Protein backbone atom coordinates (compact mmCIF):
# COMPACT_ATOMS: atom_id res chain seq x y z
CA MET A 1 0.46 0.16 0.00
CA GLY A 2 1.88 3.17 -0.91
CA ALA A 3 1.75 6.09 1.59
CA VAL A 4 -0.37 8.22 -0.23
CA VAL A 5 -3.04 5.96 0.16
CA LEU A 6 -1.82 5.08 3.64
CA VAL A 7 -2.44 8.49 5.06
CA ALA A 8 -5.42 8.77 3.88
CA ARG A 9 -7.14 5.90 4.85
CA LEU A 10 -6.17 6.57 8.24
CA VAL A 11 -7.07 9.92 8.35
CA LEU A 12 -10.65 9.71 7.13
CA ALA A 13 -11.29 6.55 9.52
CA ASP A 14 -10.00 8.67 12.13
CA LEU A 15 -12.88 11.81 10.71
CA SER A 16 -15.17 9.15 10.42
CA ARG A 17 -15.18 8.16 14.62
CA HIS A 18 -14.79 12.40 15.65
CA ARG A 19 -17.67 14.20 12.92
CA ALA A 20 -18.09 16.84 15.48
CA GLN A 21 -14.50 17.57 16.40
CA ALA A 22 -13.75 17.70 12.51
CA LEU A 23 -16.86 20.29 12.05
CA MET A 24 -16.63 22.59 14.63
CA LEU A 25 -12.69 22.84 13.30
CA LEU A 26 -14.14 23.28 10.07
CA LEU A 27 -16.96 26.06 10.77
CA ALA A 28 -14.22 27.69 12.81
CA VAL A 29 -11.65 28.31 9.79
CA THR A 30 -14.05 28.29 7.71
CA VAL A 31 -15.57 32.14 9.04
CA ALA A 32 -12.12 33.10 10.53
CA THR A 33 -11.01 32.79 6.61
CA ALA A 34 -14.66 34.32 5.01
CA THR A 35 -13.32 37.51 7.41
CA MET A 36 -10.19 37.74 6.69
CA ALA A 37 -11.22 37.64 3.37
CA LEU A 38 -14.20 39.96 2.70
CA GLY A 39 -11.55 42.79 5.80
CA LEU A 40 -8.95 42.19 2.06
CA SER A 41 -10.67 42.38 -0.98
CA LEU A 42 -13.97 45.15 0.10
CA GLY A 43 -11.54 47.72 -1.73
CA ASP A 44 -11.44 45.54 -4.76
CA ALA A 45 -14.14 44.58 -5.21
CA SER A 46 -15.82 49.03 -4.72
CA ARG A 47 -13.29 49.02 -7.27
CA SER A 48 -14.13 46.86 -10.06
CA MET A 49 -18.02 47.95 -9.43
CA TYR A 50 -17.28 51.34 -10.13
CA GLU A 51 -15.38 49.78 -13.29
CA GLN A 52 -18.44 47.69 -14.13
CA THR A 53 -20.75 50.70 -13.76
CA ARG A 54 -18.87 52.94 -15.63
CA ALA A 55 -18.27 50.57 -18.64
CA ALA A 56 -21.99 50.32 -18.60
CA THR A 57 -22.85 54.24 -18.24
CA ALA A 58 -19.56 55.21 -20.57
CA GLY A 59 -18.77 57.51 -17.25
CA PRO A 60 -16.53 60.17 -18.24
CA ASP A 61 -12.61 60.68 -17.95
CA VAL A 62 -13.03 64.00 -16.32
CA VAL A 63 -15.72 66.23 -14.79
CA ALA A 64 -14.79 69.55 -14.61
CA LEU A 65 -17.15 72.15 -12.81
CA SER A 66 -17.45 75.17 -12.52
CA GLY A 67 -19.89 77.10 -9.42
CA ASP A 68 -19.36 80.60 -10.83
CA THR A 69 -21.92 80.92 -12.92
CA GLY A 70 -22.57 83.63 -16.12
CA ARG A 71 -21.21 82.83 -20.12
CA ALA A 72 -17.84 82.66 -18.93
CA ALA A 73 -17.60 79.71 -16.64
CA THR A 74 -20.03 78.05 -19.63
CA SER A 75 -17.48 79.39 -22.15
CA ALA A 76 -14.17 78.10 -20.19
CA LEU A 77 -16.31 74.67 -19.62
CA ALA A 78 -16.72 74.39 -23.68
CA ALA A 79 -13.18 75.37 -24.69
CA LEU A 80 -12.30 72.34 -22.50
CA ALA A 81 -14.32 69.63 -25.49
CA ASP A 82 -12.17 71.69 -28.77
CA ASP A 83 -9.07 69.77 -26.30
CA PRO A 84 -7.14 67.61 -28.94
CA ALA A 85 -6.60 64.87 -26.16
CA VAL A 86 -10.48 65.25 -25.62
CA VAL A 87 -12.79 62.61 -27.97
CA ALA A 88 -16.57 63.28 -26.15
CA ALA A 89 -17.95 65.61 -24.77
CA HIS A 90 -21.55 66.17 -23.06
CA GLY A 91 -22.02 69.38 -21.74
CA PRO A 92 -22.11 72.23 -20.27
CA TYR A 93 -25.33 71.03 -18.10
CA ARG A 94 -26.92 72.65 -15.44
CA ILE A 95 -26.70 71.51 -12.07
CA VAL A 96 -29.28 72.94 -9.53
CA HIS A 97 -29.25 72.86 -5.95
CA ALA A 98 -32.13 72.62 -3.96
CA ASP A 99 -33.84 70.00 -1.07
CA LEU A 100 -35.99 66.82 -2.41
CA THR A 101 -39.31 65.89 0.42
CA THR A 102 -40.89 62.44 -0.03
CA ARG A 103 -44.77 61.44 0.34
CA GLY A 104 -43.48 60.61 3.88
CA SER A 105 -41.75 64.31 4.94
CA THR A 106 -38.13 62.60 5.15
CA SER A 107 -35.92 65.96 3.94
CA SER A 108 -32.41 65.60 1.83
CA GLY A 109 -30.59 68.20 0.14
CA VAL A 110 -30.43 67.37 -3.94
CA VAL A 111 -27.94 67.53 -6.84
CA VAL A 112 -31.06 67.97 -9.91
CA HIS A 113 -28.68 66.97 -13.45
CA GLY A 114 -30.06 69.11 -16.35
CA PHE A 115 -30.17 66.73 -19.23
CA ALA A 116 -31.22 65.89 -22.52
CA GLU A 117 -34.30 63.42 -23.55
CA ARG A 118 -31.84 61.38 -25.66
CA PRO A 119 -28.16 61.02 -23.89
CA GLY A 120 -25.34 61.41 -25.95
CA ALA A 121 -21.74 60.07 -26.20
CA VAL A 122 -20.72 60.16 -22.83
CA ASP A 123 -22.76 60.07 -19.33
CA ARG A 124 -25.73 58.02 -20.56
CA PRO A 125 -27.26 57.13 -16.77
CA LEU A 126 -28.21 53.68 -17.03
CA VAL A 127 -32.16 53.01 -16.38
CA THR A 128 -32.63 49.97 -14.06
CA SER A 129 -36.93 50.84 -13.05
CA GLY A 130 -38.98 53.04 -15.26
CA ARG A 131 -37.65 55.40 -17.97
CA TRP A 132 -35.15 58.17 -19.29
CA VAL A 133 -36.61 61.80 -18.17
CA SER A 134 -38.98 63.50 -19.65
CA PRO A 135 -41.31 66.91 -19.07
CA GLY A 136 -42.91 67.67 -15.96
CA GLY A 137 -40.73 64.11 -14.34
CA THR A 138 -37.75 63.40 -12.80
CA VAL A 139 -35.74 60.40 -12.45
CA LEU A 140 -33.82 59.70 -8.96
CA GLU A 141 -30.36 58.41 -8.46
CA ARG A 142 -30.56 54.16 -7.13
CA GLY A 143 -28.89 54.40 -4.40
CA PHE A 144 -30.31 58.24 -3.49
CA ALA A 145 -34.03 56.55 -4.27
CA THR A 146 -32.96 53.66 -1.74
CA ALA A 147 -32.24 55.50 1.11
CA LEU A 148 -35.66 57.54 -0.02
CA GLY A 149 -37.65 54.93 0.04
CA VAL A 150 -38.92 55.88 -3.24
CA GLY A 151 -39.61 53.66 -6.00
CA VAL A 152 -41.47 54.61 -10.10
CA GLY A 153 -44.65 56.33 -9.56
CA ASP A 154 -44.00 57.90 -6.23
CA ARG A 155 -44.21 61.70 -5.93
CA VAL A 156 -41.36 63.97 -4.77
CA THR A 157 -41.36 67.39 -3.75
CA ILE A 158 -38.81 69.66 -5.19
CA ALA A 159 -38.04 72.93 -4.51
CA GLY A 160 -41.61 73.56 -3.36
CA ARG A 161 -42.51 71.47 -6.74
CA SER A 162 -44.32 68.24 -7.24
CA TYR A 163 -42.50 65.92 -9.42
CA PRO A 164 -43.59 61.51 -10.67
CA VAL A 165 -40.52 59.29 -10.55
CA VAL A 166 -40.77 58.65 -13.90
CA GLY A 167 -37.30 56.20 -13.33
CA ILE A 168 -34.41 54.42 -11.59
CA ALA A 169 -31.02 54.70 -12.85
CA VAL A 170 -27.25 55.00 -12.39
CA THR A 171 -23.97 56.80 -13.53
CA ALA A 172 -20.37 56.64 -12.69
CA ALA A 173 -19.86 60.74 -13.69
CA THR A 174 -20.62 61.07 -9.40
CA SER A 175 -19.90 59.65 -6.61
CA ILE A 176 -22.03 56.95 -4.50
CA TYR A 177 -24.12 58.66 -2.60
CA PRO A 178 -24.62 60.14 -0.70
CA TRP A 179 -21.22 62.49 -2.04
CA ALA A 180 -23.47 63.34 -5.26
CA ALA A 181 -23.34 67.24 -5.01
CA GLN A 182 -18.79 66.94 -6.03
CA ILE A 183 -19.43 70.86 -5.28
CA GLY A 184 -21.01 73.01 -3.17
CA PRO A 185 -23.01 76.03 -4.45
CA GLY A 186 -20.45 78.88 -5.48
CA GLY A 187 -17.87 76.23 -5.26
CA GLY A 188 -18.26 75.38 -2.12
CA PRO A 189 -17.51 72.47 0.29
CA SER A 190 -20.87 69.97 -0.17
CA ASP A 191 -23.57 68.38 1.23
CA SER A 192 -24.26 65.06 1.78
CA GLY A 193 -27.49 64.61 -0.51
CA GLY A 194 -28.32 62.03 -4.16
CA LEU A 195 -28.78 63.20 -7.42
CA ALA A 196 -31.75 63.51 -9.49
CA TRP A 197 -31.71 64.01 -13.17
CA MET A 198 -34.89 66.54 -14.99
CA THR A 199 -35.04 67.98 -18.51
CA ARG A 200 -32.61 70.42 -19.73
CA SER A 201 -35.98 73.02 -19.18
CA ASP A 202 -37.57 71.71 -16.02
CA ALA A 203 -34.07 72.14 -14.73
CA ARG A 204 -33.46 75.55 -16.03
CA THR A 205 -36.94 76.85 -15.13
CA LEU A 206 -36.83 74.80 -11.56
CA ALA A 207 -33.87 77.10 -11.31
CA SER A 208 -34.90 80.38 -12.44
CA SER A 209 -38.60 80.08 -10.69
CA ARG A 210 -36.84 79.54 -7.31
CA ARG A 211 -33.40 81.36 -7.48
CA LEU A 212 -31.58 78.22 -6.91
CA PRO A 213 -28.02 78.32 -6.57
CA VAL A 214 -26.50 76.34 -9.78
CA THR A 215 -23.81 75.12 -11.15
CA THR A 216 -22.39 74.23 -14.62
CA ALA A 217 -20.18 71.31 -15.51
CA ILE A 218 -18.79 68.93 -17.96
CA ASP A 219 -17.64 65.39 -18.95
CA LEU A 220 -15.35 64.92 -20.92
CA LYS A 221 -13.87 61.84 -22.58
CA LEU A 222 -10.01 62.00 -22.35
CA ARG A 223 -8.01 60.27 -25.89
CA ASP A 224 -5.90 58.32 -23.27
CA PRO A 225 -7.47 58.28 -20.46
CA ALA A 226 -4.89 57.43 -17.92
CA ALA A 227 -3.39 61.27 -18.45
CA THR A 228 -5.94 62.93 -16.73
CA GLU A 229 -3.74 64.61 -14.13
CA ALA A 230 -1.80 66.24 -16.87
CA PHE A 231 -5.33 67.14 -18.37
CA ARG A 232 -6.34 68.74 -15.30
CA GLU A 233 -2.38 70.50 -15.22
CA ALA A 234 -3.12 71.83 -18.93
CA HIS A 235 -6.13 73.33 -18.15
CA ARG A 236 -5.79 75.72 -14.87
CA ASP A 237 -7.73 78.94 -15.77
CA PRO A 238 -6.78 82.06 -12.93
CA ASP A 239 -9.98 83.89 -14.64
CA VAL A 240 -12.23 80.64 -14.04
CA ARG A 241 -12.37 78.49 -10.96
CA VAL A 242 -12.34 75.30 -11.97
CA ASP A 243 -12.99 71.93 -10.43
CA PHE A 244 -12.04 68.38 -12.02
CA HIS A 245 -13.25 65.13 -10.90
CA SER A 246 -11.48 61.87 -12.10
CA TRP A 247 -12.64 58.81 -12.96
CA GLN A 248 -9.34 57.68 -10.51
CA PHE A 249 -10.71 60.35 -7.65
CA THR A 250 -14.47 59.14 -8.21
CA ALA A 251 -13.22 55.26 -7.68
CA THR A 252 -11.15 56.13 -4.75
CA GLN A 253 -14.04 57.83 -3.39
CA ASP A 254 -16.22 55.19 -3.20
CA THR A 255 -14.45 52.82 -1.21
CA VAL A 256 -14.51 56.08 1.58
CA ILE A 257 -17.74 54.62 2.83
CA LEU A 258 -15.75 51.12 3.23
CA LYS A 259 -12.87 52.96 6.16
CA ASP A 260 -13.84 50.73 8.70
CA SER A 261 -15.85 47.87 7.57
CA ARG A 262 -12.00 47.08 6.43
CA PRO A 263 -10.39 47.38 9.90
CA ILE A 264 -13.53 45.93 11.82
CA LEU A 265 -13.06 42.49 9.60
CA VAL A 266 -9.58 42.51 9.50
CA VAL A 267 -9.19 42.35 13.06
CA GLY A 268 -12.04 40.62 13.78
CA SER A 269 -10.85 37.22 11.64
CA TRP A 270 -7.39 37.70 13.63
CA LEU A 271 -9.59 37.71 17.00
CA LEU A 272 -11.90 34.95 15.12
CA SER A 273 -9.13 33.18 14.22
CA PHE A 274 -7.65 33.12 17.39
CA LEU A 275 -10.14 31.00 19.03
CA ALA A 276 -10.16 28.96 16.75
CA VAL A 277 -6.38 27.69 17.90
CA THR A 278 -8.03 28.42 20.90
CA GLY A 279 -10.31 25.68 20.49
CA VAL A 280 -8.57 23.06 18.42
CA ALA A 281 -5.74 23.22 20.29
CA ALA A 282 -8.26 22.22 23.69
CA LEU A 283 -9.91 19.85 21.00
CA ALA A 284 -6.51 18.69 20.69
CA ALA A 285 -5.39 18.27 23.93
CA GLY A 286 -8.41 16.02 25.03
CA ARG A 287 -7.30 13.35 21.76
CA ALA A 288 -3.50 13.52 23.17
CA VAL A 289 -3.98 10.03 24.68
CA GLU A 290 -5.68 8.28 21.86
CA GLN A 291 -3.18 10.21 19.39
CA THR A 292 -0.31 8.64 21.48
CA ARG A 293 -1.38 5.44 21.49
CA ARG A 294 -1.68 6.20 17.66
CA ALA A 295 1.51 6.96 17.18
CA GLY A 296 2.70 4.15 18.89
CA LEU A 297 1.27 1.29 17.01
CA LEU A 298 2.07 2.63 13.72
CA LYS A 299 5.10 2.46 15.59
CA ALA A 300 5.11 -0.87 16.02
CA VAL A 301 4.52 -1.53 12.80
CA GLY A 302 7.75 -0.39 11.21
CA ALA A 303 6.44 3.67 10.02
CA GLY A 304 9.31 6.41 10.53
CA PRO A 305 8.57 9.96 12.75
CA GLY A 306 7.50 12.07 9.09
CA LEU A 307 4.77 9.38 8.66
CA ILE A 308 3.51 9.66 11.79
CA ALA A 309 3.46 13.68 11.65
CA THR A 310 2.11 12.93 8.41
CA VAL A 311 -0.46 10.91 9.13
CA LEU A 312 -1.56 12.97 12.91
CA LEU A 313 -1.02 17.33 10.89
CA THR A 314 -2.90 15.43 7.78
CA GLU A 315 -6.54 15.47 9.31
CA TYR A 316 -6.44 19.06 11.06
CA LEU A 317 -4.60 20.77 7.16
CA ALA A 318 -6.65 19.06 5.51
CA LEU A 319 -9.86 20.28 6.84
CA ALA A 320 -8.59 23.64 7.43
CA LEU A 321 -7.47 23.84 3.66
CA ALA A 322 -11.38 23.12 3.27
CA GLY A 323 -12.45 25.71 5.62
CA ASP A 324 -10.80 27.91 3.68
CA ALA A 325 -11.81 27.09 0.69
CA LEU A 326 -15.23 27.64 1.90
CA GLY A 327 -14.45 30.39 3.01
CA LEU A 328 -12.94 31.66 0.45
CA VAL A 329 -16.42 30.84 -1.73
CA ILE A 330 -18.26 32.49 1.35
CA ALA A 331 -16.56 36.03 0.67
CA ARG A 332 -16.76 36.02 -2.83
CA LEU A 333 -20.46 35.27 -2.82
CA ALA A 334 -20.79 38.51 -0.02
CA ALA A 335 -18.25 41.00 -1.92
CA PRO A 336 -20.62 42.81 -3.49
CA GLY A 337 -23.10 43.30 -0.72
CA LEU A 338 -20.92 44.65 1.33
CA ALA A 339 -18.96 46.38 -1.07
CA SER A 340 -20.96 48.36 -2.16
CA PRO A 341 -24.42 49.50 0.40
CA THR A 342 -25.76 52.17 -1.53
CA ALA A 343 -27.09 50.32 -3.71
CA SER A 344 -25.31 53.34 -6.27
CA ARG A 345 -23.13 50.16 -8.76
CA ILE A 346 -24.22 48.03 -10.26
CA GLY A 347 -21.67 44.88 -11.24
CA ASP A 348 -20.33 41.74 -9.48
CA ALA A 349 -16.97 41.89 -7.63
CA ALA A 350 -14.35 40.96 -9.16
CA GLU A 351 -12.57 37.47 -8.49
CA LEU A 352 -11.04 37.88 -5.02
CA GLY A 353 -7.14 39.29 -5.78
CA GLY A 354 -3.96 37.34 -4.82
CA ALA A 355 -3.23 38.19 -1.81
CA PRO A 356 -6.69 37.84 -0.03
CA VAL A 357 -6.41 34.39 -1.09
CA VAL A 358 -2.89 33.63 0.31
CA THR A 359 -3.43 35.43 3.21
CA ALA A 360 -6.65 33.44 4.37
CA THR A 361 -5.19 30.62 2.99
CA VAL A 362 -2.07 31.09 5.85
CA LEU A 363 -4.27 31.98 8.23
CA ALA A 364 -6.32 28.17 7.85
CA VAL A 365 -2.57 26.32 8.04
CA ALA A 366 -1.53 28.27 11.22
CA VAL A 367 -4.72 27.50 12.99
CA ALA A 368 -4.57 23.80 11.87
CA VAL A 369 -0.35 23.80 12.77
CA LEU A 370 -0.65 25.92 16.41
CA SER A 371 -3.62 23.92 17.28
CA THR A 372 -2.06 20.36 16.92
CA LEU A 373 1.60 20.74 16.82
CA ARG A 374 2.56 20.90 20.35
CA PRO A 375 0.51 17.33 20.96
CA THR A 376 1.95 15.77 17.94
CA LEU A 377 5.50 16.00 19.09
CA ARG A 378 4.56 15.36 22.00
CA ALA A 379 2.95 11.78 20.17
CA MET A 380 5.79 11.82 17.62
CA ARG A 381 8.35 11.71 20.87
CA THR A 382 7.11 9.58 23.42
CA ALA A 383 7.92 5.54 23.21
CA THR A 384 6.46 2.99 21.80
CA VAL A 385 5.85 0.98 24.60
CA THR A 386 5.10 4.37 26.98
CA ALA A 387 2.62 4.99 24.39
CA LEU A 388 1.16 1.59 23.61
CA SER A 389 -0.01 2.26 27.68
CA ALA A 390 -0.55 6.05 27.02
CA THR A 391 -3.16 6.74 30.46
CA ALA A 392 -3.67 10.48 31.18
CA ARG A 393 -0.75 12.05 32.97
CA PRO A 394 -1.10 11.52 37.15
CA SER A 395 -1.49 15.36 38.26
CA ARG A 396 1.25 16.01 40.68
CA HIS A 397 0.79 16.57 44.98
CA ARG A 398 0.79 20.06 46.05
CA PRO A 399 0.56 19.99 49.35
CA TRP A 400 -0.49 24.39 48.94
CA LEU A 401 -3.61 23.06 47.54
CA THR A 402 -4.18 20.56 49.56
CA ALA A 403 -4.12 23.16 52.42
CA LEU A 404 -6.20 25.89 50.43
CA SER A 405 -8.90 23.63 49.24
CA ALA A 406 -9.77 21.80 52.20
CA LEU A 407 -11.65 25.44 53.44
CA LEU A 408 -13.69 25.28 50.92
CA PRO A 409 -16.91 24.40 49.73
CA THR A 410 -16.85 20.97 47.62
CA PRO A 411 -17.56 22.74 43.93
CA LEU A 412 -15.50 25.23 44.48
CA LEU A 413 -12.91 22.70 45.95
CA LEU A 414 -13.38 20.24 42.92
CA GLY A 415 -13.40 23.34 40.20
CA LEU A 416 -10.21 25.40 41.85
CA ARG A 417 -8.32 21.49 41.76
CA LEU A 418 -8.80 20.96 38.48
CA THR A 419 -8.30 24.82 37.42
CA ALA A 420 -4.72 24.00 39.40
CA ARG A 421 -4.36 21.08 37.47
CA ARG A 422 -4.32 22.31 34.19
CA PRO A 423 -3.26 26.00 34.52
CA GLY A 424 -2.90 25.66 30.02
CA ARG A 425 -6.70 25.09 29.77
CA ALA A 426 -7.32 27.33 32.09
CA VAL A 427 -5.18 29.94 30.35
CA LEU A 428 -7.42 28.54 26.91
CA GLN A 429 -10.56 28.89 28.40
CA ALA A 430 -9.06 32.82 29.70
CA CYS A 431 -8.40 33.84 26.54
CA SER A 432 -11.28 33.16 25.16
CA THR A 433 -13.71 35.03 27.66
CA ALA A 434 -10.83 37.95 27.09
CA THR A 435 -11.15 37.57 23.19
CA THR A 436 -15.23 37.69 23.49
CA VAL A 437 -15.55 40.68 25.94
CA ILE A 438 -12.39 42.70 23.61
CA ALA A 439 -15.43 42.32 21.13
CA VAL A 440 -18.63 43.56 23.11
CA VAL A 441 -17.11 46.62 23.83
CA ALA A 442 -15.79 47.34 20.84
CA LEU A 443 -19.44 46.68 19.80
CA LEU A 444 -21.13 48.75 22.47
CA THR A 445 -18.56 51.21 21.94
CA LEU A 446 -19.04 51.94 18.43
CA HIS A 447 -23.00 52.32 19.16
CA ALA A 448 -21.95 55.16 21.71
CA GLN A 449 -21.07 57.35 19.02
CA PRO A 450 -23.16 59.90 18.19
CA GLU A 451 -24.21 59.58 13.68
CA ARG A 452 -24.94 62.65 12.13
CA GLY A 453 -27.77 61.67 9.61
CA TYR A 454 -27.60 62.64 5.80
CA GLY A 455 -29.96 65.65 5.29
CA LEU A 456 -30.63 69.27 6.21
CA ASP A 457 -29.48 71.13 8.84
CA GLY A 458 -27.13 67.90 9.64
CA SER A 459 -30.94 66.71 10.74
CA SER A 460 -30.82 62.63 11.43
CA VAL A 461 -33.71 62.68 8.16
CA LEU A 462 -32.22 59.96 6.41
CA PRO A 463 -29.39 56.93 8.54
CA ASN A 464 -25.83 57.60 7.59
CA LEU A 465 -25.31 54.53 5.78
CA ARG A 466 -21.55 53.85 7.07
CA GLY A 467 -22.69 53.79 10.19
CA GLU A 468 -25.51 51.68 9.54
CA GLN A 469 -22.53 49.33 8.13
CA ASP A 470 -20.53 49.51 10.95
CA ARG A 471 -22.89 48.57 13.00
CA ARG A 472 -23.97 45.68 11.21
CA LEU A 473 -20.13 44.55 10.34
CA MET A 474 -19.60 45.16 14.17
CA LEU A 475 -22.54 42.55 15.21
CA ALA A 476 -21.93 40.03 12.80
CA VAL A 477 -18.21 39.90 14.05
CA THR A 478 -19.55 39.51 17.82
CA VAL A 479 -22.40 36.92 17.20
CA LEU A 480 -19.59 34.85 15.22
CA LEU A 481 -17.03 35.37 18.13
CA ILE A 482 -20.00 34.33 21.15
CA ALA A 483 -20.76 31.79 19.46
CA LEU A 484 -17.13 29.97 18.86
CA ALA A 485 -16.92 30.59 22.52
CA VAL A 486 -20.00 29.19 23.39
CA VAL A 487 -18.27 25.96 21.46
CA ASN A 488 -15.16 26.49 23.50
CA THR A 489 -16.79 26.74 26.88
CA ILE A 490 -18.99 23.96 26.31
CA THR A 491 -15.28 21.71 24.56
CA LEU A 492 -13.50 22.79 27.38
CA THR A 493 -16.23 21.94 29.62
CA TRP A 494 -16.43 18.58 28.04
CA THR A 495 -12.78 17.44 27.29
CA THR A 496 -11.87 18.40 31.81
CA ALA A 497 -14.72 16.25 32.50
CA MET A 498 -13.58 13.76 30.31
CA GLU A 499 -9.32 13.95 31.80
CA ALA A 500 -10.59 13.90 35.24
CA ARG A 501 -13.62 10.89 35.85
CA ALA A 502 -11.62 9.01 37.15
CA ASN A 503 -11.26 11.89 39.74
CA LEU A 504 -14.67 13.16 39.67
CA ALA A 505 -15.92 10.02 40.15
CA VAL A 506 -13.62 9.35 43.18
CA ALA A 507 -14.90 12.45 44.86
CA ARG A 508 -18.43 11.02 44.48
CA THR A 509 -17.37 7.93 46.32
CA LEU A 510 -16.46 10.19 49.01
CA GLY A 511 -19.60 11.62 49.70
CA ALA A 512 -20.25 14.29 46.78
CA THR A 513 -23.24 14.50 45.12
CA PRO A 514 -23.82 15.09 41.15
CA GLY A 515 -24.42 18.50 41.89
CA GLN A 516 -21.66 19.83 43.57
CA VAL A 517 -19.48 17.88 40.98
CA ALA A 518 -21.35 19.42 38.00
CA ALA A 519 -21.17 23.40 39.97
CA GLY A 520 -17.02 22.57 40.52
CA LEU A 521 -16.98 21.51 36.73
CA SER A 522 -18.47 24.86 36.02
CA ALA A 523 -16.81 26.45 38.55
CA ALA A 524 -13.17 25.14 36.48
CA GLN A 525 -13.88 27.66 34.13
CA LEU A 526 -15.28 30.65 35.79
CA LEU A 527 -12.48 31.36 37.68
CA PRO A 528 -10.30 31.24 34.79
CA SER A 529 -12.92 33.54 32.90
CA LEU A 530 -12.73 36.03 35.17
CA PRO A 531 -9.72 37.65 35.34
CA GLY A 532 -10.24 37.08 31.35
CA ALA A 533 -13.42 38.91 31.64
CA VAL A 534 -11.37 41.85 33.19
CA ALA A 535 -8.76 41.94 30.95
CA GLY A 536 -10.98 41.71 28.37
CA ILE A 537 -12.29 45.83 29.44
CA PRO A 538 -9.14 47.16 29.48
CA LEU A 539 -7.82 45.47 25.67
CA GLY A 540 -10.87 46.26 24.29
CA LEU A 541 -10.61 49.57 24.81
CA GLY A 542 -7.12 49.83 24.13
CA LEU A 543 -7.36 47.54 20.57
CA LEU A 544 -10.06 50.36 19.26
CA SER A 545 -8.02 53.47 20.58
CA LEU A 546 -5.44 51.75 17.34
CA PHE A 547 -8.28 52.78 15.17
CA ALA A 548 -11.30 55.70 17.03
CA ALA A 549 -11.32 58.60 16.16
CA GLY A 550 -9.75 61.78 17.85
CA ASN A 551 -13.23 62.66 18.94
CA SER A 552 -15.02 59.17 19.19
CA VAL A 553 -17.08 59.04 22.83
CA PRO A 554 -15.99 55.93 25.20
CA ALA A 555 -18.92 53.97 26.45
CA PRO A 556 -20.48 54.17 29.14
CA SER A 557 -17.91 52.11 32.54
CA SER A 558 -21.70 50.89 33.28
CA TRP A 559 -22.54 48.94 29.57
CA LEU A 560 -18.75 47.71 29.57
CA VAL A 561 -19.40 46.09 33.88
CA GLY A 562 -22.51 44.55 32.39
CA ALA A 563 -20.66 43.06 29.11
CA ALA A 564 -18.06 41.18 31.90
CA LEU A 565 -20.87 40.35 33.94
CA ALA A 566 -22.88 38.91 31.30
CA THR A 567 -20.10 37.50 29.40
CA LEU A 568 -19.45 35.04 33.33
CA LEU A 569 -23.11 34.46 33.68
CA ALA A 570 -23.39 33.37 29.57
CA THR A 571 -19.82 30.83 31.04
CA MET A 572 -21.66 29.23 33.99
CA ALA A 573 -25.06 28.46 31.68
CA CYS A 574 -22.88 26.99 28.96
CA THR A 575 -20.84 24.67 30.79
CA ALA A 576 -24.29 23.90 32.87
CA LEU A 577 -25.34 21.25 29.89
CA PRO A 578 -21.92 19.57 29.55
CA ALA A 579 -20.68 19.79 33.24
CA ARG A 580 -24.33 17.93 34.06
CA LEU A 581 -24.00 15.40 32.02
CA ALA A 582 -20.91 14.51 32.90
CA ALA A 583 -22.40 14.76 36.63
CA ARG A 584 -24.35 11.76 36.16
CA ARG A 585 -22.60 9.02 35.25
CA PRO A 586 -22.19 6.18 36.94
CA VAL A 587 -18.96 5.91 38.65
CA ALA A 588 -18.73 2.18 38.32
CA GLN A 589 -18.94 2.99 34.74
CA ALA A 590 -16.06 6.05 35.34
CA LEU A 591 -13.24 3.58 37.08
CA SER A 592 -14.07 0.99 35.11
CA ALA A 593 -12.97 2.78 31.81
CA GLU A 594 -10.01 4.87 33.72
CA THR A 595 -8.74 0.76 35.15
CA ALA A 596 -9.64 -0.72 31.59
């Protein structure tokens, strides 16, 4: 039998015997790698969707805007189309700055572009619903319409005049909602707002009847789309103030809404990976005796160290790589929704780049290796005879611990002794709890930040999309972390119970009740969780300080203390079931299994 076939058969046989452990590792790696790949690929996904929208709408290479009014500004913009570097142009056209109110009294700023009823060769908005502009009607940009909750057939009021919404469209000539204005009235800074289109005559009538601020713009298609900076430098006019927005600038501006999303996902993937290592390490420690016996059997039939290491590690590596592949698929499917939360872009996200794929794969392999390397090395170094007769390592006798624990109630006595006998396991539980508290502290701090909505005079009439995106992602990451922490706690409790079943059976023969044994097992997890919960608060605040803005508001102390207490209560609840099941095992069965 070939070595590859032998390894495959041994791995498959072991996986079939430990399906729950295999599923846990698979899910943990999948969640961690998907989160990591998403965080690293959001920028590329956003740019890909912009490029697809630009191709579908004949997006301009340069948009030139002037806040000045009058014939001089219009002539200066029109002259740009005569440059030999320009192959096509649209405009100059009128941009009217106004306010928009829906039937539900939702109010927002809006810029109205005056367009022809038949779009030209440059900047042809793609109508995704309804039809293009006609006299008396307006078309809303899709991201803006989605935020307003408005569709074709509804009516909106622009500068006090009611218009039917005849269509919904997308464009690459402006940034995504809520940054459609590009420049403000008079060339100054712009406020958050949406985009609407009307016919040229309707836009002119709107501006003149209400005396609204007007900006003039022209869309340009260059012979060399990459030469936008050179074109801008060649057309600096000291007499007319003109702002140039290149397609590169617009693509970069789209990613501003993802500014906080990427660190949330990347840091979240680090924390998820740490919890995955913690959980899998607990499983591997619980199977240490079994793995040692397995290594002894392989040695007895002539297997060398290399083959033994391959057999023991391949199972975890195979599961980790399978989880990595599944995580990358999930990241690929989820990227479009996360990269374009405003619905202002169309298309699918590009294939994941090399960097996210390589990083996620390295992460998956690291989780598998770090979790299982120590028990694998221990199994390889154990002599054959010792390995074949391997049993759980006896605990070391500590007189001071005996004297101290004798003064405690029985559940606390059992919990303290179980914790002291397995300090490594206690550290894993403390780290798992601290990681969970770090995530909860970050979520609470994020919810404590005041959000300025998109609307007139800073009123929160429309939700802040970036804030909502960050809150949703932080909530999702926190839920995943809590779920992994729950699984880890249950796994640690059950592993501790199985390893200490003989000692717990002896305790029951000496008078301990099943309830006291169950409480002792819970205490064994709760004791290390306490310092973990306490340490998680400052660690979470310290981690947030690396990414938070200078004017961020800290979460109330009562929230943070409550989060730590809730984590401890959740730990008690998670340990209750496995502890009770282990405590109900018959004493004779536990003792006979240990001596068999």
